[in-house]
């Protein structure tokens, strides 16, 4: 059977149903990710996601069997984007300044605040929902890999213990910063990370 001849009126052929389905599903996940950043876990409902994506409410239940599946897929996408953003923002630290390395670590972690809030809320939710735990581990493992890369580039100890120590400290300091928003908290965090780097260099 011959294929359909190309149109001669300059119009693009209609998208295939599979392509439209993929685009709609991507739009729903993008909407869910945005809602996670803006309003957290409770903001992600079928109706809210459909409204944000500009599709009929029934679309979410067509592409996702449950709200849990929708949240899990959005969480995974949020983690993927956050890690990619951190990796693309990496700058090679100089080998002579612990303060500079501390600054690079904090700057690398400083992704979009809304994304960070959404990630942390889902990270805690993973403690209640085992289905989310592997996604939370992906986030932690990816961040540890980034810390290991930075420590290695700076010629600093980068064994498992050192990486976990520095990664956990930076994560904790950023969590405190985005939740409490205390004046001067980032400057204080820089001093804390510098002291930690000095300690592992001994």
N, C-alpha and C. Protein backbone atom coordinates (compact mmCIF):
# COMPACT_ATOMS: atom_id res chain seq x y z
N UNK A 1 0.85 -1.20 0.00
CA UNK A 1 0.00 0.00 0.00
C UNK A 1 0.88 1.24 0.00
N UNK A 2 0.60 2.16 -0.93
CA UNK A 2 1.42 3.35 -1.02
C UNK A 2 1.14 4.32 0.12
N UNK A 3 2.19 5.03 0.52
CA UNK A 3 2.02 6.03 1.55
C UNK A 3 1.27 7.24 1.03
N UNK A 4 0.78 8.00 1.95
CA UNK A 4 0.01 9.19 1.58
C UNK A 4 0.92 10.22 0.95
N UNK A 5 0.54 10.77 -0.17
CA UNK A 5 1.35 11.76 -0.88
C UNK A 5 1.44 13.03 -0.06
N UNK A 6 2.59 13.71 -0.09
CA UNK A 6 2.72 14.96 0.66
C UNK A 6 1.78 16.02 0.13
N UNK A 7 1.30 16.86 1.02
CA UNK A 7 0.36 17.91 0.63
C UNK A 7 1.10 18.99 -0.12
N UNK A 8 0.39 19.62 -1.06
CA UNK A 8 1.00 20.64 -1.90
C UNK A 8 0.56 22.04 -1.53
N UNK A 9 -0.25 22.18 -0.48
CA UNK A 9 -0.78 23.49 -0.12
C UNK A 9 0.07 24.19 0.93
N UNK A 10 1.24 23.58 1.25
CA UNK A 10 2.13 24.22 2.22
C UNK A 10 1.82 23.92 3.65
N UNK A 11 0.70 23.24 3.92
CA UNK A 11 0.34 22.92 5.29
C UNK A 11 1.09 21.69 5.77
N UNK A 12 1.42 21.67 7.05
CA UNK A 12 2.09 20.51 7.62
C UNK A 12 1.06 19.40 7.84
N UNK A 13 1.47 18.16 7.63
CA UNK A 13 0.54 17.06 7.88
C UNK A 13 0.21 16.98 9.36
N UNK A 14 -0.97 16.43 9.67
CA UNK A 14 -1.37 16.30 11.06
C UNK A 14 -0.42 15.38 11.80
N UNK A 15 -0.20 15.69 13.07
CA UNK A 15 0.66 14.84 13.87
C UNK A 15 0.02 13.47 14.05
N UNK A 16 0.85 12.46 14.12
CA UNK A 16 0.35 11.13 14.37
C UNK A 16 -0.24 11.06 15.77
N UNK A 17 -1.24 10.20 15.94
CA UNK A 17 -1.87 10.08 17.27
C UNK A 17 -0.85 9.76 18.36
N UNK A 18 0.17 8.92 18.04
CA UNK A 18 1.17 8.58 19.05
C UNK A 18 1.98 9.81 19.47
N UNK A 19 2.29 10.65 18.49
CA UNK A 19 3.06 11.86 18.79
C UNK A 19 2.24 12.82 19.64
N UNK A 20 0.97 12.96 19.32
CA UNK A 20 0.10 13.82 20.13
C UNK A 20 -0.01 13.29 21.55
N UNK A 21 -0.08 11.98 21.70
CA UNK A 21 -0.18 11.38 23.03
C UNK A 21 1.07 11.65 23.84
N UNK A 22 2.23 11.52 23.20
CA UNK A 22 3.49 11.78 23.90
C UNK A 22 3.55 13.23 24.35
N UNK A 23 3.18 14.15 23.48
CA UNK A 23 3.23 15.57 23.82
C UNK A 23 2.25 15.90 24.95
N UNK A 24 1.09 15.30 24.92
CA UNK A 24 0.11 15.56 25.97
C UNK A 24 0.61 15.01 27.31
N UNK A 25 1.20 13.83 27.29
CA UNK A 25 1.72 13.25 28.52
C UNK A 25 2.86 14.09 29.08
N UNK A 26 3.72 14.59 28.20
CA UNK A 26 4.81 15.47 28.63
C UNK A 26 4.26 16.76 29.23
N UNK A 27 3.21 17.29 28.62
CA UNK A 27 2.59 18.52 29.14
C UNK A 27 2.02 18.29 30.53
N UNK A 28 1.41 17.14 30.75
CA UNK A 28 0.86 16.82 32.07
C UNK A 28 1.96 16.70 33.11
N UNK A 29 3.07 16.05 32.75
CA UNK A 29 4.18 15.92 33.70
C UNK A 29 4.82 17.28 33.98
N UNK A 30 4.97 18.10 32.95
CA UNK A 30 5.51 19.45 33.16
C UNK A 30 4.62 20.23 34.12
N UNK A 31 3.31 20.10 33.94
CA UNK A 31 2.37 20.79 34.81
C UNK A 31 2.48 20.29 36.24
N UNK A 32 2.62 18.98 36.41
CA UNK A 32 2.75 18.41 37.75
C UNK A 32 4.02 18.88 38.43
N UNK A 33 5.12 18.94 37.68
CA UNK A 33 6.39 19.43 38.23
C UNK A 33 6.26 20.88 38.68
N UNK A 34 5.61 21.71 37.85
CA UNK A 34 5.42 23.12 38.21
C UNK A 34 4.58 23.25 39.47
N UNK A 35 3.54 22.46 39.59
CA UNK A 35 2.68 22.52 40.77
C UNK A 35 3.41 22.04 42.02
N UNK A 36 4.28 21.04 41.87
CA UNK A 36 5.08 20.59 43.01
C UNK A 36 5.94 21.73 43.55
N UNK A 37 6.55 22.49 42.63
CA UNK A 37 7.38 23.60 43.06
C UNK A 37 6.60 24.74 43.67
N UNK A 38 5.40 24.96 43.17
CA UNK A 38 4.60 26.09 43.64
C UNK A 38 3.83 25.79 44.93
N UNK A 39 3.27 24.59 45.01
CA UNK A 39 2.40 24.31 46.15
C UNK A 39 2.68 23.03 46.89
N UNK A 40 3.70 22.29 46.45
CA UNK A 40 4.06 21.07 47.16
C UNK A 40 3.21 19.87 46.79
N UNK A 41 3.34 18.84 47.59
CA UNK A 41 2.72 17.54 47.33
C UNK A 41 1.21 17.64 47.18
N UNK A 42 0.56 18.40 48.05
CA UNK A 42 -0.91 18.46 48.03
C UNK A 42 -1.46 19.23 46.84
N UNK A 43 -0.61 20.01 46.16
CA UNK A 43 -1.08 20.80 45.02
C UNK A 43 -1.29 19.95 43.78
N UNK A 44 -0.72 18.76 43.77
CA UNK A 44 -0.81 17.90 42.58
C UNK A 44 -2.07 17.06 42.64
N UNK A 45 -3.10 17.53 41.98
CA UNK A 45 -4.35 16.77 41.83
C UNK A 45 -4.61 16.59 40.34
N UNK A 46 -5.43 15.62 40.00
CA UNK A 46 -5.74 15.40 38.59
C UNK A 46 -6.31 16.66 37.95
N UNK A 47 -7.24 17.30 38.64
CA UNK A 47 -7.89 18.49 38.07
C UNK A 47 -6.90 19.64 37.90
N UNK A 48 -6.07 19.88 38.93
CA UNK A 48 -5.12 20.99 38.86
C UNK A 48 -4.08 20.77 37.76
N UNK A 49 -3.61 19.55 37.63
CA UNK A 49 -2.61 19.24 36.61
C UNK A 49 -3.20 19.41 35.22
N UNK A 50 -4.41 18.91 35.01
CA UNK A 50 -5.06 19.04 33.71
C UNK A 50 -5.30 20.51 33.36
N UNK A 51 -5.74 21.28 34.35
CA UNK A 51 -5.98 22.71 34.11
C UNK A 51 -4.70 23.43 33.74
N UNK A 52 -3.59 23.12 34.45
CA UNK A 52 -2.31 23.76 34.16
C UNK A 52 -1.81 23.36 32.77
N UNK A 53 -2.04 22.10 32.39
CA UNK A 53 -1.57 21.62 31.09
C UNK A 53 -2.48 22.05 29.94
N UNK A 54 -3.68 22.56 30.28
CA UNK A 54 -4.61 22.98 29.25
C UNK A 54 -5.26 21.84 28.50
N UNK A 55 -5.54 20.75 29.21
CA UNK A 55 -6.17 19.58 28.61
C UNK A 55 -7.42 19.22 29.41
N UNK A 56 -8.30 18.40 28.86
CA UNK A 56 -9.50 17.99 29.61
C UNK A 56 -9.13 17.25 30.89
N UNK A 57 -9.92 17.39 31.94
CA UNK A 57 -9.63 16.73 33.23
C UNK A 57 -9.45 15.22 33.10
N UNK A 58 -10.17 14.60 32.18
CA UNK A 58 -10.08 13.14 32.04
C UNK A 58 -8.72 12.69 31.50
N UNK A 59 -7.93 13.62 30.96
CA UNK A 59 -6.65 13.24 30.35
C UNK A 59 -5.68 12.64 31.38
N UNK A 60 -5.69 13.18 32.59
CA UNK A 60 -4.74 12.67 33.58
C UNK A 60 -5.05 11.23 33.96
N UNK A 61 -6.31 10.90 34.10
CA UNK A 61 -6.66 9.53 34.46
C UNK A 61 -6.49 8.58 33.26
N UNK A 62 -6.47 9.14 32.05
CA UNK A 62 -6.22 8.31 30.87
C UNK A 62 -4.76 7.90 30.79
N UNK A 63 -3.85 8.86 31.09
CA UNK A 63 -2.42 8.59 30.95
C UNK A 63 -1.77 8.07 32.23
N UNK A 64 -2.40 8.32 33.36
CA UNK A 64 -1.84 7.88 34.65
C UNK A 64 -2.92 7.15 35.43
N UNK A 65 -2.63 5.96 35.85
CA UNK A 65 -3.64 5.11 36.47
C UNK A 65 -4.11 5.64 37.82
N UNK A 66 -3.28 6.45 38.47
CA UNK A 66 -3.63 6.98 39.79
C UNK A 66 -2.85 8.25 40.06
N UNK A 67 -3.27 8.97 41.08
CA UNK A 67 -2.52 10.16 41.49
C UNK A 67 -1.13 9.77 41.96
N UNK A 68 -1.00 8.62 42.62
CA UNK A 68 0.31 8.16 43.09
C UNK A 68 1.28 7.99 41.92
N UNK A 69 0.79 7.41 40.82
CA UNK A 69 1.65 7.24 39.65
C UNK A 69 2.06 8.60 39.08
N UNK A 70 1.11 9.53 39.03
CA UNK A 70 1.39 10.86 38.51
C UNK A 70 2.44 11.55 39.36
N UNK A 71 2.30 11.49 40.67
CA UNK A 71 3.26 12.11 41.58
C UNK A 71 4.64 11.47 41.43
N UNK A 72 4.67 10.15 41.36
CA UNK A 72 5.96 9.45 41.24
C UNK A 72 6.67 9.83 39.95
N UNK A 73 5.93 9.90 38.84
CA UNK A 73 6.55 10.27 37.57
C UNK A 73 7.02 11.72 37.59
N UNK A 74 6.25 12.58 38.23
CA UNK A 74 6.66 13.98 38.33
C UNK A 74 7.89 14.12 39.23
N UNK A 75 7.93 13.36 40.31
CA UNK A 75 9.08 13.37 41.21
C UNK A 75 10.34 12.94 40.46
N UNK A 76 10.23 11.87 39.68
CA UNK A 76 11.37 11.38 38.91
C UNK A 76 11.85 12.43 37.91
N UNK A 77 10.91 13.11 37.26
CA UNK A 77 11.28 14.15 36.30
C UNK A 77 11.92 15.33 37.01
N UNK A 78 11.40 15.69 38.17
CA UNK A 78 11.96 16.79 38.95
C UNK A 78 13.40 16.47 39.36
N UNK A 79 13.65 15.24 39.80
CA UNK A 79 15.00 14.82 40.17
C UNK A 79 15.93 14.87 38.96
N UNK A 80 15.46 14.34 37.84
CA UNK A 80 16.28 14.35 36.62
C UNK A 80 16.66 15.76 36.22
N UNK A 81 15.71 16.67 36.25
CA UNK A 81 15.98 18.05 35.85
C UNK A 81 16.90 18.75 36.84
N UNK A 82 16.69 18.48 38.13
CA UNK A 82 17.51 19.13 39.15
C UNK A 82 18.96 18.69 39.03
N UNK A 83 19.19 17.40 38.87
CA UNK A 83 20.55 16.90 38.74
C UNK A 83 21.21 17.41 37.46
N UNK A 84 20.45 17.46 36.38
CA UNK A 84 21.00 17.97 35.13
C UNK A 84 21.37 19.44 35.27
N UNK A 85 20.53 20.20 35.95
CA UNK A 85 20.82 21.62 36.16
C UNK A 85 22.08 21.79 37.00
N UNK A 86 22.23 20.97 38.04
CA UNK A 86 23.42 21.07 38.88
C UNK A 86 24.68 20.71 38.09
N UNK A 87 24.59 19.68 37.27
CA UNK A 87 25.77 19.25 36.51
C UNK A 87 26.17 20.30 35.47
N UNK A 88 25.18 20.92 34.83
CA UNK A 88 25.51 21.92 33.82
C UNK A 88 26.02 23.22 34.44
N UNK A 89 25.74 23.42 35.73
CA UNK A 89 26.20 24.65 36.38
C UNK A 89 27.56 24.47 37.06
N UNK A 90 28.15 23.28 36.94
CA UNK A 90 29.43 23.02 37.59
C UNK A 90 30.51 23.95 37.05
N UNK A 91 31.29 24.52 37.95
CA UNK A 91 32.49 25.26 37.57
C UNK A 91 33.66 24.64 38.32
N UNK A 92 34.76 24.51 37.64
CA UNK A 92 35.91 23.84 38.24
C UNK A 92 36.51 24.71 39.35
N UNK A 93 36.56 24.20 40.58
CA UNK A 93 37.12 25.00 41.68
C UNK A 93 38.64 25.03 41.62
N UNK A 94 39.22 26.11 42.10
CA UNK A 94 40.67 26.18 42.19
C UNK A 94 41.20 25.27 43.30
N UNK A 95 42.42 24.78 43.16
CA UNK A 95 42.95 23.84 44.14
C UNK A 95 43.47 24.48 45.42
N UNK A 96 43.57 25.81 45.45
CA UNK A 96 44.24 26.46 46.57
C UNK A 96 43.32 27.09 47.61
N UNK A 97 42.04 27.22 47.30
CA UNK A 97 41.15 27.95 48.20
C UNK A 97 40.00 27.07 48.65
N UNK A 98 39.96 26.77 49.95
CA UNK A 98 38.83 26.01 50.49
C UNK A 98 37.56 26.84 50.44
N UNK A 99 37.68 28.15 50.65
CA UNK A 99 36.51 29.02 50.60
C UNK A 99 35.91 29.03 49.20
N UNK A 100 36.77 28.99 48.18
CA UNK A 100 36.27 28.95 46.80
C UNK A 100 35.54 27.64 46.53
N UNK A 101 36.11 26.54 47.01
CA UNK A 101 35.47 25.24 46.83
C UNK A 101 34.12 25.20 47.54
N UNK A 102 34.07 25.77 48.74
CA UNK A 102 32.81 25.84 49.48
C UNK A 102 31.77 26.63 48.69
N UNK A 103 32.21 27.74 48.10
CA UNK A 103 31.31 28.57 47.31
C UNK A 103 30.77 27.80 46.11
N UNK A 104 31.65 27.05 45.43
CA UNK A 104 31.23 26.28 44.26
C UNK A 104 30.22 25.21 44.66
N UNK A 105 30.46 24.55 45.78
CA UNK A 105 29.53 23.52 46.26
C UNK A 105 28.15 24.11 46.54
N UNK A 106 28.12 25.23 47.23
CA UNK A 106 26.84 25.86 47.56
C UNK A 106 26.15 26.41 46.32
N UNK A 107 26.93 26.99 45.42
CA UNK A 107 26.36 27.54 44.18
C UNK A 107 25.77 26.43 43.32
N UNK A 108 26.47 25.29 43.26
CA UNK A 108 25.99 24.16 42.45
C UNK A 108 24.67 23.64 42.98
N UNK A 109 24.53 23.62 44.30
CA UNK A 109 23.30 23.11 44.91
C UNK A 109 22.15 24.09 44.79
N UNK A 110 22.47 25.34 44.50
CA UNK A 110 21.46 26.39 44.51
C UNK A 110 20.60 26.38 43.27
N UNK A 111 19.83 25.31 43.10
CA UNK A 111 18.89 25.25 41.99
C UNK A 111 17.67 26.11 42.32
N UNK A 112 16.70 26.10 41.45
CA UNK A 112 15.48 26.87 41.65
C UNK A 112 14.86 26.57 43.01
N UNK A 113 14.49 27.61 43.75
CA UNK A 113 13.97 27.41 45.11
C UNK A 113 12.70 26.58 45.11
N UNK A 114 11.81 26.83 44.14
CA UNK A 114 10.59 26.06 44.07
C UNK A 114 10.87 24.58 43.85
N UNK A 115 11.83 24.29 42.97
CA UNK A 115 12.21 22.90 42.74
C UNK A 115 12.75 22.28 44.02
N UNK A 116 13.58 23.04 44.73
CA UNK A 116 14.16 22.51 45.96
C UNK A 116 13.08 22.19 46.99
N UNK A 117 12.11 23.07 47.13
CA UNK A 117 11.02 22.82 48.07
C UNK A 117 10.23 21.57 47.67
N UNK A 118 9.94 21.48 46.37
CA UNK A 118 9.22 20.31 45.90
C UNK A 118 9.99 19.03 46.11
N UNK A 119 11.29 19.07 45.84
CA UNK A 119 12.13 17.90 46.04
C UNK A 119 12.17 17.46 47.49
N UNK A 120 12.36 18.42 48.38
CA UNK A 120 12.46 18.07 49.80
C UNK A 120 11.13 17.54 50.34
N UNK A 121 10.03 18.11 49.89
CA UNK A 121 8.74 17.62 50.36
C UNK A 121 8.50 16.18 49.90
N UNK A 122 8.85 15.91 48.65
CA UNK A 122 8.69 14.55 48.14
C UNK A 122 9.70 13.60 48.76
N UNK A 123 10.88 14.11 49.07
CA UNK A 123 11.90 13.29 49.73
C UNK A 123 11.37 12.80 51.08
N UNK A 124 10.74 13.69 51.83
CA UNK A 124 10.15 13.30 53.11
C UNK A 124 8.95 12.37 52.90
N UNK A 125 8.17 12.64 51.85
CA UNK A 125 7.03 11.79 51.56
C UNK A 125 7.47 10.36 51.24
N UNK A 126 8.67 10.23 50.67
CA UNK A 126 9.20 8.91 50.34
C UNK A 126 9.39 8.05 51.58
N UNK A 127 9.53 8.69 52.74
CA UNK A 127 9.63 7.93 53.98
C UNK A 127 8.32 7.23 54.33
N UNK A 128 7.22 7.72 53.77
CA UNK A 128 5.91 7.11 54.01
C UNK A 128 5.47 6.22 52.85
N UNK A 129 6.03 6.46 51.68
CA UNK A 129 5.62 5.72 50.49
C UNK A 129 6.82 5.04 49.86
N UNK A 130 6.97 3.73 50.08
CA UNK A 130 8.12 2.99 49.54
C UNK A 130 8.28 3.14 48.03
N UNK A 131 7.19 3.37 47.31
CA UNK A 131 7.28 3.50 45.85
C UNK A 131 8.11 4.71 45.43
N UNK A 132 8.28 5.67 46.32
CA UNK A 132 9.06 6.86 46.00
C UNK A 132 10.51 6.76 46.45
N UNK A 133 10.84 5.74 47.21
CA UNK A 133 12.17 5.67 47.82
C UNK A 133 13.29 5.57 46.80
N UNK A 134 13.08 4.78 45.74
CA UNK A 134 14.17 4.63 44.77
C UNK A 134 14.43 5.95 44.04
N UNK A 135 13.40 6.79 43.90
CA UNK A 135 13.58 8.10 43.27
C UNK A 135 14.37 9.01 44.20
N UNK A 136 14.06 8.95 45.49
CA UNK A 136 14.80 9.74 46.47
C UNK A 136 16.27 9.33 46.49
N UNK A 137 16.52 8.03 46.36
CA UNK A 137 17.91 7.56 46.35
C UNK A 137 18.65 8.02 45.10
N UNK A 138 17.94 8.10 43.99
CA UNK A 138 18.55 8.60 42.76
C UNK A 138 19.02 10.03 42.94
N UNK A 139 18.20 10.84 43.60
CA UNK A 139 18.58 12.23 43.88
C UNK A 139 19.83 12.28 44.76
N UNK A 140 19.82 11.53 45.86
CA UNK A 140 20.96 11.54 46.77
C UNK A 140 22.22 11.02 46.08
N UNK A 141 22.11 9.92 45.36
CA UNK A 141 23.27 9.36 44.68
C UNK A 141 23.83 10.32 43.64
N UNK A 142 22.95 11.00 42.91
CA UNK A 142 23.40 11.96 41.91
C UNK A 142 24.13 13.13 42.54
N UNK A 143 23.63 13.64 43.65
CA UNK A 143 24.27 14.74 44.36
C UNK A 143 25.63 14.30 44.90
N UNK A 144 25.72 13.09 45.42
CA UNK A 144 27.00 12.58 45.92
C UNK A 144 28.02 12.48 44.78
N UNK A 145 27.58 12.06 43.61
CA UNK A 145 28.50 11.99 42.46
C UNK A 145 29.03 13.37 42.10
N UNK A 146 28.17 14.38 42.19
CA UNK A 146 28.60 15.74 41.88
C UNK A 146 29.62 16.22 42.91
N UNK A 147 29.37 15.96 44.18
CA UNK A 147 30.31 16.35 45.23
C UNK A 147 31.64 15.64 45.04
N UNK A 148 31.59 14.36 44.71
CA UNK A 148 32.82 13.60 44.49
C UNK A 148 33.64 14.21 43.35
N UNK A 149 32.95 14.60 42.30
CA UNK A 149 33.63 15.21 41.15
C UNK A 149 34.32 16.51 41.56
N UNK A 150 33.61 17.35 42.31
CA UNK A 150 34.18 18.63 42.73
C UNK A 150 35.38 18.44 43.67
N UNK A 151 35.26 17.53 44.61
CA UNK A 151 36.38 17.28 45.53
C UNK A 151 37.59 16.74 44.78
N UNK A 152 37.34 15.84 43.85
CA UNK A 152 38.44 15.27 43.07
C UNK A 152 39.12 16.32 42.22
N UNK A 153 38.33 17.16 41.57
CA UNK A 153 38.90 18.22 40.73
C UNK A 153 39.75 19.19 41.54
N UNK A 154 39.36 19.40 42.79
CA UNK A 154 40.10 20.33 43.65
C UNK A 154 41.26 19.65 44.37
N UNK A 155 41.46 18.36 44.11
CA UNK A 155 42.56 17.66 44.75
C UNK A 155 42.34 17.39 46.22
N UNK A 156 41.07 17.27 46.62
CA UNK A 156 40.72 17.03 48.02
C UNK A 156 40.33 15.57 48.22
N UNK A 157 40.39 15.07 49.44
CA UNK A 157 39.95 13.69 49.71
C UNK A 157 38.52 13.48 49.23
N UNK A 158 38.29 12.39 48.50
CA UNK A 158 36.96 12.18 47.93
C UNK A 158 36.51 10.73 48.08
N UNK A 159 36.86 10.14 49.22
CA UNK A 159 36.36 8.81 49.53
C UNK A 159 34.89 8.87 49.93
N UNK A 160 34.30 7.71 50.15
CA UNK A 160 32.87 7.67 50.45
C UNK A 160 32.53 8.47 51.71
N UNK A 161 33.35 8.36 52.74
CA UNK A 161 33.07 9.06 54.00
C UNK A 161 33.13 10.57 53.80
N UNK A 162 34.16 11.05 53.09
CA UNK A 162 34.31 12.48 52.87
C UNK A 162 33.16 13.03 52.01
N UNK A 163 32.83 12.29 50.97
CA UNK A 163 31.74 12.74 50.08
C UNK A 163 30.42 12.81 50.85
N UNK A 164 30.12 11.80 51.61
CA UNK A 164 28.86 11.78 52.36
C UNK A 164 28.82 12.91 53.39
N UNK A 165 29.92 13.16 54.04
CA UNK A 165 30.00 14.22 55.05
C UNK A 165 29.71 15.58 54.43
N UNK A 166 30.42 15.89 53.34
CA UNK A 166 30.26 17.20 52.69
C UNK A 166 28.87 17.32 52.05
N UNK A 167 28.43 16.28 51.36
CA UNK A 167 27.13 16.33 50.67
C UNK A 167 25.99 16.52 51.66
N UNK A 168 26.05 15.82 52.77
CA UNK A 168 24.98 15.93 53.77
C UNK A 168 24.98 17.30 54.43
N UNK A 169 26.17 17.83 54.70
CA UNK A 169 26.25 19.17 55.29
C UNK A 169 25.66 20.22 54.36
N UNK A 170 26.05 20.20 53.09
CA UNK A 170 25.53 21.18 52.14
C UNK A 170 24.01 21.05 52.00
N UNK A 171 23.52 19.82 51.91
CA UNK A 171 22.07 19.62 51.79
C UNK A 171 21.33 20.18 53.00
N UNK A 172 21.86 19.89 54.18
CA UNK A 172 21.21 20.37 55.40
C UNK A 172 21.21 21.88 55.51
N UNK A 173 22.31 22.50 55.13
CA UNK A 173 22.41 23.95 55.18
C UNK A 173 21.45 24.60 54.18
N UNK A 174 21.31 24.00 52.99
CA UNK A 174 20.40 24.55 52.01
C UNK A 174 18.95 24.36 52.43
N UNK A 175 18.65 23.23 53.06
CA UNK A 175 17.29 23.00 53.55
C UNK A 175 16.93 24.06 54.58
N UNK A 176 17.85 24.32 55.49
CA UNK A 176 17.61 25.36 56.50
C UNK A 176 17.41 26.71 55.85
N UNK A 177 18.20 27.00 54.81
CA UNK A 177 18.13 28.30 54.15
C UNK A 177 16.79 28.49 53.44
N UNK A 178 16.33 27.49 52.67
CA UNK A 178 15.11 27.68 51.89
C UNK A 178 13.86 27.64 52.77
N UNK A 179 13.95 27.00 53.93
CA UNK A 179 12.79 26.94 54.82
C UNK A 179 12.73 28.18 55.72
N UNK A 180 13.86 28.53 56.32
CA UNK A 180 13.85 29.60 57.32
C UNK A 180 14.19 30.98 56.75
N UNK A 181 14.96 31.02 55.65
CA UNK A 181 15.32 32.28 54.99
C UNK A 181 15.88 33.31 55.98
N UNK A 182 16.80 32.86 56.81
CA UNK A 182 17.42 33.79 57.76
C UNK A 182 18.41 34.71 57.03
N UNK A 183 18.47 35.98 57.40
CA UNK A 183 19.45 36.89 56.79
C UNK A 183 20.87 36.38 57.02
N UNK A 184 21.67 36.40 55.98
CA UNK A 184 23.08 35.99 56.10
C UNK A 184 23.29 34.50 56.20
N UNK A 185 22.24 33.69 55.94
CA UNK A 185 22.38 32.25 56.12
C UNK A 185 23.36 31.63 55.12
N UNK A 186 23.41 32.16 53.91
CA UNK A 186 24.33 31.60 52.93
C UNK A 186 25.78 31.90 53.27
N UNK A 187 26.04 33.10 53.78
CA UNK A 187 27.40 33.43 54.22
C UNK A 187 27.81 32.52 55.37
N UNK A 188 26.90 32.29 56.28
CA UNK A 188 27.16 31.38 57.40
C UNK A 188 27.41 29.97 56.88
N UNK A 189 26.63 29.56 55.89
CA UNK A 189 26.81 28.23 55.31
C UNK A 189 28.17 28.09 54.66
N UNK A 190 28.62 29.14 53.98
CA UNK A 190 29.93 29.10 53.36
C UNK A 190 31.03 28.88 54.37
N UNK A 191 30.93 29.53 55.52
CA UNK A 191 31.92 29.33 56.57
C UNK A 191 31.89 27.92 57.13
N UNK A 192 30.69 27.37 57.28
CA UNK A 192 30.56 26.01 57.79
C UNK A 192 31.16 24.99 56.83
N UNK A 193 30.88 25.15 55.55
CA UNK A 193 31.41 24.21 54.57
C UNK A 193 32.93 24.33 54.47
N UNK A 194 33.45 25.54 54.56
CA UNK A 194 34.90 25.73 54.53
C UNK A 194 35.55 25.01 55.71
N UNK A 195 34.97 25.12 56.89
CA UNK A 195 35.50 24.41 58.04
C UNK A 195 35.45 22.90 57.86
N UNK A 196 34.39 22.41 57.25
CA UNK A 196 34.27 20.97 57.00
C UNK A 196 35.33 20.51 56.01
N UNK A 197 35.57 21.29 54.97
CA UNK A 197 36.60 20.94 53.99
C UNK A 197 37.98 20.95 54.62
N UNK A 198 38.20 21.88 55.51
CA UNK A 198 39.49 21.93 56.20
C UNK A 198 39.68 20.70 57.07
N UNK A 199 38.59 20.25 57.70
CA UNK A 199 38.65 19.09 58.59
C UNK A 199 38.99 17.81 57.83
N UNK A 200 38.40 17.62 56.63
CA UNK A 200 38.67 16.38 55.90
C UNK A 200 40.01 16.41 55.20
N UNK A 201 40.60 17.60 55.09
CA UNK A 201 41.90 17.71 54.42
C UNK A 201 43.05 17.36 55.36
N UNK A 202 42.77 17.23 56.65
CA UNK A 202 43.83 16.94 57.62
C UNK A 202 44.31 15.51 57.46
